[in-house]
C-alpha atoms as a PDB file:
ATOM      1  CA  MET A   1     -10.492  21.323 -22.309  1.00  0.00           C
ATOM      2  CA  THR A   2      -8.605  18.018 -22.435  1.00  0.00           C
ATOM      3  CA  GLN A   3      -5.548  18.150 -20.219  1.00  0.00           C
ATOM      4  CA  LEU A   4      -3.967  14.842 -21.247  1.00  0.00           C
ATOM      5  CA  VAL A   5      -4.056  13.025 -24.578  1.00  0.00           C
ATOM      6  CA  VAL A   6      -2.852   9.410 -24.670  1.00  0.00           C
ATOM      7  CA  THR A   7      -2.170   7.682 -27.988  1.00  0.00           C
ATOM      8  CA  GLY A   8      -2.127   3.914 -28.475  1.00  0.00           C
ATOM      9  CA  PHE A   9      -3.942   0.748 -29.453  1.00  0.00           C
ATOM     10  CA  ALA A  10      -7.401   0.034 -28.113  1.00  0.00           C
ATOM     11  CA  SER A  11      -8.431  -3.321 -26.696  1.00  0.00           C
ATOM     12  CA  LEU A  12     -11.261  -5.102 -25.002  1.00  0.00           C
ATOM     13  CA  ASP A  13      -9.766  -7.767 -22.761  1.00  0.00           C
ATOM     14  CA  TYR A  14     -11.171 -11.218 -21.974  1.00  0.00           C
ATOM     15  CA  PRO A  15      -9.258 -12.516 -18.918  1.00  0.00           C
ATOM     16  CA  VAL A  16      -9.515 -16.023 -17.463  1.00  0.00           C
ATOM     17  CA  SER A  17      -7.594 -18.051 -14.919  1.00  0.00           C
ATOM     18  CA  LEU A  18      -6.718 -21.611 -15.891  1.00  0.00           C
ATOM     19  CA  ALA A  19      -6.725 -24.661 -13.651  1.00  0.00           C
ATOM     20  CA  GLY A  20      -3.583 -25.948 -15.367  1.00  0.00           C
ATOM     21  CA  MET A  21      -1.300 -25.224 -18.293  1.00  0.00           C
ATOM     22  CA  ALA A  22      -2.581 -24.798 -21.835  1.00  0.00           C
ATOM     23  CA  LYS A  23      -1.293 -27.443 -24.229  1.00  0.00           C
ATOM     24  CA  GLY A  24      -1.905 -28.163 -27.881  1.00  0.00           C
ATOM     25  CA  ASP A  25      -4.757 -30.560 -28.645  1.00  0.00           C
ATOM     26  CA  CYS A  26      -5.772 -30.625 -24.968  1.00  0.00           C
ATOM     27  CA  THR A  27      -8.587 -29.084 -22.977  1.00  0.00           C
ATOM     28  CA  THR A  28      -7.603 -26.893 -20.036  1.00  0.00           C
ATOM     29  CA  LEU A  29     -10.337 -25.957 -17.586  1.00  0.00           C
ATOM     30  CA  ILE A  30     -11.054 -22.337 -16.683  1.00  0.00           C
ATOM     31  CA  SER A  31     -10.934 -21.987 -12.907  1.00  0.00           C
ATOM     32  CA  ASP A  32     -12.105 -18.381 -12.727  1.00  0.00           C
ATOM     33  CA  ARG A  33     -13.822 -15.897 -15.018  1.00  0.00           C
ATOM     34  CA  ASP A  34     -15.327 -12.702 -13.673  1.00  0.00           C
ATOM     35  CA  PRO A  35     -18.615 -12.045 -15.524  1.00  0.00           C
ATOM     36  CA  GLU A  36     -18.257  -8.351 -14.638  1.00  0.00           C
ATOM     37  CA  ALA A  37     -14.966  -8.254 -16.565  1.00  0.00           C
ATOM     38  CA  TRP A  38     -15.954 -10.184 -19.684  1.00  0.00           C
ATOM     39  CA  PRO A  39     -14.901  -8.151 -21.465  1.00  0.00           C
ATOM     40  CA  ARG A  40     -13.181  -5.334 -19.615  1.00  0.00           C
ATOM     41  CA  LEU A  41     -11.528  -2.156 -20.829  1.00  0.00           C
ATOM     42  CA  GLY A  42      -7.959  -2.772 -21.977  1.00  0.00           C
ATOM     43  CA  GLY A  43      -5.088  -1.349 -23.969  1.00  0.00           C
ATOM     44  CA  CYS A  44      -2.186   0.758 -22.714  1.00  0.00           C
ATOM     45  CA  SER A  45      -3.749   4.092 -23.633  1.00  0.00           C
ATOM     46  CA  ALA A  46      -6.938   3.290 -21.723  1.00  0.00           C
ATOM     47  CA  TYR A  47      -5.078   2.209 -18.579  1.00  0.00           C
ATOM     48  CA  VAL A  48      -3.011   5.417 -18.558  1.00  0.00           C
ATOM     49  CA  ALA A  49      -6.006   7.648 -19.279  1.00  0.00           C
ATOM     50  CA  THR A  50      -8.299   6.053 -16.692  1.00  0.00           C
ATOM     51  CA  ALA A  51      -5.664   6.324 -13.963  1.00  0.00           C
ATOM     52  CA  VAL A  52      -5.431  10.044 -14.706  1.00  0.00           C
ATOM     53  CA  ALA A  53      -9.209  10.510 -14.954  1.00  0.00           C
ATOM     54  CA  ARG A  54      -9.711   8.919 -11.526  1.00  0.00           C
ATOM     55  CA  LYS A  55      -7.806  11.870 -10.081  1.00  0.00           C
ATOM     56  CA  GLY A  56     -10.287  14.306 -11.607  1.00  0.00           C
ATOM     57  CA  ILE A  57      -8.060  15.301 -14.522  1.00  0.00           C
ATOM     58  CA  ALA A  58      -9.507  15.320 -18.030  1.00  0.00           C
ATOM     59  CA  ALA A  59      -7.960  12.645 -20.240  1.00  0.00           C
ATOM     60  CA  ALA A  60      -8.679  11.479 -23.781  1.00  0.00           C
ATOM     61  CA  PRO A  61      -7.274   8.341 -25.408  1.00  0.00           C
ATOM     62  CA  VAL A  62      -6.492   8.552 -29.120  1.00  0.00           C
ATOM     63  CA  SER A  63      -7.326   5.028 -30.286  1.00  0.00           C
ATOM     64  CA  TRP A  64      -9.119   3.101 -33.038  1.00  0.00           C
ATOM     65  CA  VAL A  65     -12.096   0.734 -32.892  1.00  0.00           C
ATOM     66  CA  GLY A  66     -14.237  -0.982 -35.489  1.00  0.00           C
ATOM     67  CA  SER A  67     -17.918  -0.693 -36.322  1.00  0.00           C
ATOM     68  CA  ASP A  68     -19.072  -3.626 -34.176  1.00  0.00           C
ATOM     69  CA  ASP A  69     -20.758  -3.887 -30.787  1.00  0.00           C
ATOM     70  CA  ALA A  70     -17.336  -4.118 -29.119  1.00  0.00           C
ATOM     71  CA  ALA A  71     -16.639  -0.543 -30.223  1.00  0.00           C
ATOM     72  CA  GLU A  72     -19.622   0.659 -28.221  1.00  0.00           C
ATOM     73  CA  LEU A  73     -18.524  -1.369 -25.205  1.00  0.00           C
ATOM     74  CA  TYR A  74     -15.056   0.197 -25.396  1.00  0.00           C
ATOM     75  CA  CYS A  75     -16.382   3.768 -25.562  1.00  0.00           C
ATOM     76  CA  ASP A  76     -18.967   3.138 -22.843  1.00  0.00           C
ATOM     77  CA  ALA A  77     -16.266   1.744 -20.564  1.00  0.00           C
ATOM     78  CA  LEU A  78     -14.101   4.824 -21.122  1.00  0.00           C
ATOM     79  CA  ARG A  79     -17.005   7.124 -20.269  1.00  0.00           C
ATOM     80  CA  THR A  80     -17.747   5.132 -17.138  1.00  0.00           C
ATOM     81  CA  GLU A  81     -14.170   5.743 -16.031  1.00  0.00           C
ATOM     82  CA  GLY A  82     -14.532   9.469 -16.682  1.00  0.00           C
ATOM     83  CA  CYS A  83     -12.502   9.633 -19.896  1.00  0.00           C
ATOM     84  CA  GLU A  84     -13.355  11.595 -23.010  1.00  0.00           C
ATOM     85  CA  THR A  85     -14.013   9.669 -26.232  1.00  0.00           C
ATOM     86  CA  ALA A  86     -13.588  12.370 -28.886  1.00  0.00           C
ATOM     87  CA  GLY A  87     -10.224  10.806 -29.781  1.00  0.00           C
ATOM     88  CA  VAL A  88     -11.607   7.317 -30.428  1.00  0.00           C
ATOM     89  CA  ALA A  89     -11.877   6.885 -34.194  1.00  0.00           C
ATOM     90  CA  ARG A  90     -14.227   4.407 -35.850  1.00  0.00           C
ATOM     91  CA  ILE A  91     -12.918   2.310 -38.710  1.00  0.00           C
ATOM     92  CA  GLN A  92     -15.448   0.600 -40.940  1.00  0.00           C
ATOM     93  CA  ALA A  93     -14.386  -2.903 -40.027  1.00  0.00           C
ATOM     94  CA  ALA A  94     -16.248  -5.947 -38.799  1.00  0.00           C
ATOM     95  CA  ARG A  95     -14.275  -6.232 -35.580  1.00  0.00           C
ATOM     96  CA  SER A  96     -12.498  -4.153 -32.950  1.00  0.00           C
ATOM     97  CA  PRO A  97      -9.199  -5.057 -31.289  1.00  0.00           C
ATOM     98  CA  VAL A  98      -9.488  -7.638 -28.511  1.00  0.00           C
ATOM     99  CA  ALA A  99      -7.085  -9.537 -26.259  1.00  0.00           C
ATOM    100  CA  LEU A 100      -7.564 -13.000 -24.781  1.00  0.00           C
ATOM    101  CA  LEU A 101      -5.658 -13.221 -21.477  1.00  0.00           C
ATOM    102  CA  ALA A 102      -5.169 -16.724 -20.083  1.00  0.00           C
ATOM    103  CA  TYR A 103      -3.475 -16.762 -16.673  1.00  0.00           C
ATOM    104  CA  GLN A 104      -1.944 -20.200 -16.241  1.00  0.00           C
ATOM    105  CA  ALA A 105      -1.409 -22.248 -13.093  1.00  0.00           C
ATOM    106  CA  ASP A 106       2.329 -21.429 -12.983  1.00  0.00           C
ATOM    107  CA  GLY A 107       1.622 -17.686 -12.923  1.00  0.00           C
ATOM    108  CA  SER A 108       2.446 -17.028 -16.564  1.00  0.00           C
ATOM    109  CA  CYS A 109       0.001 -15.378 -18.940  1.00  0.00           C
ATOM    110  CA  VAL A 110      -0.785 -16.306 -22.534  1.00  0.00           C
ATOM    111  CA  CYS A 111      -1.901 -13.147 -24.343  1.00  0.00           C
ATOM    112  CA  LEU A 112      -3.527 -13.439 -27.753  1.00  0.00           C
ATOM    113  CA  TYR A 113      -4.077 -10.005 -29.288  1.00  0.00           C
ATOM    114  CA  ASP A 114      -6.137  -9.288 -32.381  1.00  0.00           C
ATOM    115  CA  PRO A 115      -5.115  -5.816 -33.657  1.00  0.00           C
ATOM    116  CA  ALA A 116      -7.991  -6.042 -36.158  1.00  0.00           C
ATOM    117  CA  PHE A 117      -6.899  -3.411 -38.655  1.00  0.00           C
ATOM    118  CA  GLY A 118      -3.532  -4.479 -40.038  1.00  0.00           C
ATOM    119  CA  GLY A 119      -2.109  -0.976 -40.280  1.00  0.00           C
ATOM    120  CA  ALA A 120      -5.238   0.709 -41.642  1.00  0.00           C
ATOM    121  CA  GLU A 121      -5.307   3.278 -38.833  1.00  0.00           C
ATOM    122  CA  ILE A 122      -5.000   6.933 -39.806  1.00  0.00           C
ATOM    123  CA  LEU A 123      -5.199  10.115 -37.763  1.00  0.00           C
ATOM    124  CA  THR A 124      -8.583  11.750 -38.175  1.00  0.00           C
ATOM    125  CA  PRO A 125      -8.954  15.549 -38.094  1.00  0.00           C
ATOM    126  CA  ALA A 126     -10.444  15.294 -34.597  1.00  0.00           C
ATOM    127  CA  GLN A 127      -7.519  13.202 -33.367  1.00  0.00           C
ATOM    128  CA  SER A 128      -4.979  15.515 -34.987  1.00  0.00           C
ATOM    129  CA  GLU A 129      -6.613  18.516 -33.339  1.00  0.00           C
ATOM    130  CA  LEU A 130      -6.531  16.844 -29.921  1.00  0.00           C
ATOM    131  CA  ILE A 131      -2.851  15.990 -30.281  1.00  0.00           C
ATOM    132  CA  SER A 132      -1.773  19.408 -31.512  1.00  0.00           C
ATOM    133  CA  ALA A 133      -3.729  21.196 -28.758  1.00  0.00           C
ATOM    134  CA  ALA A 134      -2.592  18.962 -25.898  1.00  0.00           C
ATOM    135  CA  ARG A 135      -0.208  20.445 -23.352  1.00  0.00           C
ATOM    136  CA  HIS A 136       0.344  16.960 -21.939  1.00  0.00           C
ATOM    137  CA  LEU A 137       0.827  14.109 -24.410  1.00  0.00           C
ATOM    138  CA  ALA A 138       1.527  10.461 -23.584  1.00  0.00           C
ATOM    139  CA  ILE A 139       2.587   7.978 -26.258  1.00  0.00           C
ATOM    140  CA  THR A 140       1.995   4.280 -25.620  1.00  0.00           C
ATOM    141  CA  VAL A 141       2.344   1.338 -27.985  1.00  0.00           C
ATOM    142  CA  GLY A 142       0.254   2.071 -31.063  1.00  0.00           C
ATOM    143  CA  PRO A 143       0.169   2.015 -34.858  1.00  0.00           C
ATOM    144  CA  PRO A 144       3.836   2.365 -35.883  1.00  0.00           C
ATOM    145  CA  GLN A 145       2.994   4.185 -39.117  1.00  0.00           C
ATOM    146  CA  LEU A 146       1.556   7.079 -37.083  1.00  0.00           C
ATOM    147  CA  THR A 147       4.177   7.738 -34.389  1.00  0.00           C
ATOM    148  CA  ALA A 148       6.287  10.139 -36.451  1.00  0.00           C
ATOM    149  CA  GLN A 149       3.140  12.006 -37.475  1.00  0.00           C
ATOM    150  CA  ILE A 150       2.021  12.250 -33.846  1.00  0.00           C
ATOM    151  CA  LEU A 151       5.391  13.684 -32.865  1.00  0.00           C
ATOM    152  CA  ALA A 152       5.212  16.200 -35.721  1.00  0.00           C
ATOM    153  CA  LEU A 153       1.760  17.349 -34.536  1.00  0.00           C
ATOM    154  CA  ARG A 154       2.872  17.732 -30.938  1.00  0.00           C
ATOM    155  CA  HIS A 155       2.664  21.259 -29.543  1.00  0.00           C
ATOM    156  CA  PRO A 156       6.205  22.598 -28.905  1.00  0.00           C
ATOM    157  CA  GLN A 157       5.298  23.561 -25.336  1.00  0.00           C
ATOM    158  CA  SER A 158       3.694  20.242 -24.445  1.00  0.00           C
ATOM    159  CA  THR A 159       5.081  17.816 -21.898  1.00  0.00           C
ATOM    160  CA  LEU A 160       5.744  14.451 -23.526  1.00  0.00           C
ATOM    161  CA  TYR A 161       5.501  11.134 -21.671  1.00  0.00           C
ATOM    162  CA  TRP A 162       6.675   7.895 -23.294  1.00  0.00           C
ATOM    163  CA  ILE A 163       5.329   4.619 -21.932  1.00  0.00           C
ATOM    164  CA  LEU A 164       7.697   2.084 -23.461  1.00  0.00           C
ATOM    165  CA  LYS A 165       6.856  -1.453 -24.489  1.00  0.00           C
ATOM    166  CA  SER A 166       9.195  -4.109 -25.818  1.00  0.00           C
ATOM    167  CA  ASP A 167       7.648  -4.174 -29.282  1.00  0.00           C
ATOM    168  CA  PRO A 168      10.268  -3.548 -31.999  1.00  0.00           C
ATOM    169  CA  ALA A 169       7.589  -3.321 -34.697  1.00  0.00           C
ATOM    170  CA  CYS A 170       5.957  -0.364 -32.951  1.00  0.00           C
ATOM    171  CA  PHE A 171       9.128   1.108 -31.494  1.00  0.00           C
ATOM    172  CA  PRO A 172      11.931   0.664 -34.064  1.00  0.00           C
ATOM    173  CA  PRO A 173      15.337   2.249 -33.322  1.00  0.00           C
ATOM    174  CA  ASP A 174      14.663   5.549 -35.134  1.00  0.00           C
ATOM    175  CA  ILE A 175      11.387   6.111 -33.273  1.00  0.00           C
ATOM    176  CA  CYS A 176      13.002   5.118 -29.963  1.00  0.00           C
ATOM    177  CA  ALA A 177      15.732   7.686 -30.577  1.00  0.00           C
ATOM    178  CA  ALA A 178      13.200  10.417 -31.366  1.00  0.00           C
ATOM    179  CA  LEU A 179      11.081   9.609 -28.308  1.00  0.00           C
ATOM    180  CA  SER A 180      14.134   9.343 -26.056  1.00  0.00           C
ATOM    181  CA  ALA A 181      15.275  12.796 -27.129  1.00  0.00           C
ATOM    182  CA  ALA A 182      11.882  14.465 -26.736  1.00  0.00           C
ATOM    183  CA  ALA A 183      10.266  12.861 -23.670  1.00  0.00           C
ATOM    184  CA  ALA A 184      10.208  14.587 -20.292  1.00  0.00           C
ATOM    185  CA  VAL A 185       9.372  11.314 -18.545  1.00  0.00           C
ATOM    186  CA  ILE A 186      10.008   7.774 -19.801  1.00  0.00           C
ATOM    187  CA  PHE A 187       8.405   4.696 -18.244  1.00  0.00           C
ATOM    188  CA  CYS A 188       9.900   1.233 -18.783  1.00  0.00           C
ATOM    189  CA  ASN A 189      10.693  -2.043 -17.104  1.00  0.00           C
ATOM    190  CA  ARG A 190      14.168  -3.448 -16.651  1.00  0.00           C
ATOM    191  CA  SER A 191      14.155  -5.471 -19.850  1.00  0.00           C
ATOM    192  CA  GLU A 192      13.121  -2.398 -21.867  1.00  0.00           C
ATOM    193  CA  ARG A 193      15.749  -0.012 -20.501  1.00  0.00           C
ATOM    194  CA  ASP A 194      18.181  -0.678 -23.371  1.00  0.00           C
ATOM    195  CA  MET A 195      15.628   0.726 -25.858  1.00  0.00           C
ATOM    196  CA  ILE A 196      16.219   4.202 -24.414  1.00  0.00           C
ATOM    197  CA  SER A 197      19.015   6.191 -26.033  1.00  0.00           C
ATOM    198  CA  SER A 198      20.149   9.796 -25.501  1.00  0.00           C
ATOM    199  CA  THR A 199      17.672  11.735 -23.385  1.00  0.00           C
ATOM    200  CA  ARG A 200      17.208  15.349 -22.332  1.00  0.00           C
ATOM    201  CA  ALA A 201      19.408  16.342 -19.400  1.00  0.00           C
ATOM    202  CA  GLU A 202      16.328  16.962 -17.254  1.00  0.00           C
ATOM    203  CA  ALA A 203      14.468  13.815 -18.346  1.00  0.00           C
ATOM    204  CA  VAL A 204      13.086  11.451 -15.701  1.00  0.00           C
ATOM    205  CA  ILE A 205      13.211   7.670 -16.176  1.00  0.00           C
ATOM    206  CA  VAL A 206      10.812   5.528 -14.152  1.00  0.00           C
ATOM    207  CA  GLU A 207      11.745   1.850 -14.208  1.00  0.00           C
ATOM    208  CA  THR A 208       9.519  -0.862 -12.767  1.00  0.00           C
ATOM    209  CA  GLY A 209      11.059  -3.974 -11.265  1.00  0.00           C
ATOM    210  CA  GLY A 210       8.097  -6.010 -10.067  1.00  0.00           C
ATOM    211  CA  THR A 211       8.384  -6.852  -6.377  1.00  0.00           C
ATOM    212  CA  LYS A 212      11.832  -5.200  -6.300  1.00  0.00           C
ATOM    213  CA  GLY A 213      10.222  -1.792  -6.477  1.00  0.00           C
ATOM    214  CA  VAL A 214      10.184   1.217  -8.778  1.00  0.00           C
ATOM    215  CA  THR A 215      13.447   2.993  -9.597  1.00  0.00           C
ATOM    216  CA  VAL A 216      13.423   6.695 -10.446  1.00  0.00           C
ATOM    217  CA  LEU A 217      16.346   8.369 -12.217  1.00  0.00           C
ATOM    218  CA  ALA A 218      16.124  12.162 -11.942  1.00  0.00           C
ATOM    219  CA  ASP A 219      18.672  14.963 -11.661  1.00  0.00           C
ATOM    220  CA  GLY A 220      21.472  12.450 -11.925  1.00  0.00           C
ATOM    221  CA  LYS A 221      20.275  10.560  -8.848  1.00  0.00           C
ATOM    222  CA  THR A 222      18.754   7.098  -8.648  1.00  0.00           C
ATOM    223  CA  SER A 223      16.201   6.268  -5.963  1.00  0.00           C
ATOM    224  CA  THR A 224      14.012   3.223  -5.419  1.00  0.00           C
ATOM    225  CA  CYS A 225      10.466   3.149  -4.070  1.00  0.00           C
ATOM    226  CA  PRO A 226       9.566  -0.165  -2.407  1.00  0.00           C
ATOM    227  CA  VAL A 227       6.305  -1.900  -3.232  1.00  0.00           C
ATOM    228  CA  GLU A 228       4.184  -4.134  -1.038  1.00  0.00           C
ATOM    229  CA  PRO A 229       3.573  -7.308  -3.045  1.00  0.00           C
ATOM    230  CA  LEU A 230       0.048  -8.600  -3.578  1.00  0.00           C
ATOM    231  CA  ILE A 231      -0.647 -12.246  -4.358  1.00  0.00           C
ATOM    232  CA  ILE A 232      -2.488 -11.915  -7.656  1.00  0.00           C
ATOM    233  CA  SER A 233      -1.886 -13.367 -11.103  1.00  0.00           C
ATOM    234  CA  ASP A 234      -3.875 -10.812 -13.102  1.00  0.00           C
ATOM    235  CA  THR A 235      -1.480  -7.845 -13.230  1.00  0.00           C
ATOM    236  CA  THR A 236      -2.279  -6.699 -16.773  1.00  0.00           C
ATOM    237  CA  GLY A 237      -2.219  -2.911 -16.966  1.00  0.00           C
ATOM    238  CA  ALA A 238      -0.169  -2.404 -13.792  1.00  0.00           C
ATOM    239  CA  GLY A 239       2.729  -0.645 -15.521  1.00  0.00           C
ATOM    240  CA  ASP A 240       0.437   1.638 -17.507  1.00  0.00           C
ATOM    241  CA  THR A 241      -1.595   2.420 -14.385  1.00  0.00           C
ATOM    242  CA  LEU A 242       1.598   3.349 -12.559  1.00  0.00           C
ATOM    243  CA  ALA A 243       2.462   5.704 -15.412  1.00  0.00           C
ATOM    244  CA  GLY A 244      -1.019   7.231 -15.246  1.00  0.00           C
ATOM    245  CA  GLY A 245      -0.786   7.726 -11.488  1.00  0.00           C
ATOM    246  CA  PHE A 246       2.630   9.354 -11.872  1.00  0.00           C
ATOM    247  CA  ILE A 247       1.404  11.656 -14.645  1.00  0.00           C
ATOM    248  CA  ALA A 248      -1.681  12.637 -12.642  1.00  0.00           C
ATOM    249  CA  ALA A 249       0.524  13.572  -9.683  1.00  0.00           C
ATOM    250  CA  MET A 250       2.795  15.753 -11.815  1.00  0.00           C
ATOM    251  CA  MET A 251      -0.169  17.396 -13.547  1.00  0.00           C
ATOM    252  CA  SER A 252      -1.650  18.148 -10.117  1.00  0.00           C
ATOM    253  CA  GLY A 253       1.443  20.107  -9.139  1.00  0.00           C
ATOM    254  CA  GLU A 254       3.761  17.482  -7.635  1.00  0.00           C
ATOM    255  CA  THR A 255       7.369  18.432  -8.436  1.00  0.00           C
ATOM    256  CA  ASP A 256       9.182  15.524  -6.779  1.00  0.00           C
ATOM    257  CA  PRO A 257       9.399  12.554  -9.193  1.00  0.00           C
ATOM    258  CA  LEU A 258       9.913  10.171  -6.276  1.00  0.00           C
ATOM    259  CA  GLU A 259       6.655  11.287  -4.666  1.00  0.00           C
ATOM    260  CA  ALA A 260       4.900  11.026  -8.038  1.00  0.00           C
ATOM    261  CA  ALA A 261       6.190   7.450  -8.330  1.00  0.00           C
ATOM    262  CA  LYS A 262       4.730   6.666  -4.907  1.00  0.00           C
ATOM    263  CA  GLN A 263       1.362   7.936  -6.084  1.00  0.00           C
ATOM    264  CA  GLY A 264       1.713   5.748  -9.178  1.00  0.00           C
ATOM    265  CA  ILE A 265       2.366   2.735  -6.937  1.00  0.00           C
ATOM    266  CA  THR A 266      -0.769   3.594  -4.956  1.00  0.00           C
ATOM    267  CA  ALA A 267      -2.794   3.692  -8.184  1.00  0.00           C
ATOM    268  CA  VAL A 268      -1.549   0.206  -9.083  1.00  0.00           C
ATOM    269  CA  ARG A 269      -2.389  -1.148  -5.652  1.00  0.00           C
ATOM    270  CA  GLU A 270      -5.918   0.244  -5.911  1.00  0.00           C
ATOM    271  CA  LEU A 271      -6.333  -1.446  -9.321  1.00  0.00           C
ATOM    272  CA  LEU A 272      -5.090  -4.830  -8.095  1.00  0.00           C
ATOM    273  CA  GLU A 273      -6.995  -4.710  -4.803  1.00  0.00           C
ATOM    274  CA  LYS A 274     -10.189  -4.053  -6.761  1.00  0.00           C
ATOM    275  CA  ARG A 275      -9.524  -7.177  -8.844  1.00  0.00           C
ATOM    276  CA  LEU A 276      -8.863  -9.227  -5.714  1.00  0.00           C
ATOM    277  CA  GLN A 277     -12.111  -7.996  -4.209  1.00  0.00           C
ATOM    278  CA  GLN A 278     -13.984  -8.993  -7.355  1.00  0.00           C
ATOM    279  CA  GLN A 279     -12.408 -12.464  -7.161  1.00  0.00           C
ATOM    280  CA  ARG A 280     -13.539 -12.848  -3.543  1.00  0.00           C
ATOM    281  CA  THR A 281     -17.047 -11.715  -4.471  1.00  0.00           C
ATOM    282  CA  GLN A 282     -17.257 -14.333  -7.223  1.00  0.00           C
ATOM    283  CA  ALA A 283     -15.781 -17.119  -5.075  1.00  0.00           C
END
């Protein structure tokens, strides 16, 4: 039985490192492109689910792909990571969502995302059944027309996790208010904190601050977990992986949110160290 269901957009990511800065009407050379990660599994829901699955806990993303070869790549990548794919719906469309990630010489990233479907996503019976049966449900950035429906399907005894993203189209004020009031744990970064409104008294807020560490607000107390910085430009998915590591810890019986945050930080470090190792292998 699925223990965690994670809703959100799918993506296959195409990351590159640039030798300079991209400019209009100019050619910028690619300095690094890992052939083993071209493309690689992406999307918030996949990062959360795979971090949980790596801890031996069943996890199923609820996402949408097209009817192209990329859809098969996406599902195969999820299976390789140990995730279930019953919640991945196929839309009869010529393309699946993809993201082009260009890491520039100054450390910034240009992300070009093709959502592919333009709001055509619906909840299939299989997806609805997964959501309503889940005792642990995580909501990441996804089709905005479906969030209220997902919340309505949620089992009343489920634990709800909200992985926030600064996307007003997907998280308008009314949805933010509903998620703030219902979530047991909310994950955000410092710039997203203002999107959270009134929460449950027992709610936990996990706020990432880059190299400044991870702040945990629980039981009226604020604590910060330090992080050991890694020199790497490709940090896509780090926040979602931290959320997945935290959720996996809590689902495994951890009751201390600060300790769960530490396990989330470890999950991120493992992700980034793997990327660094791949870069060294290709060098």
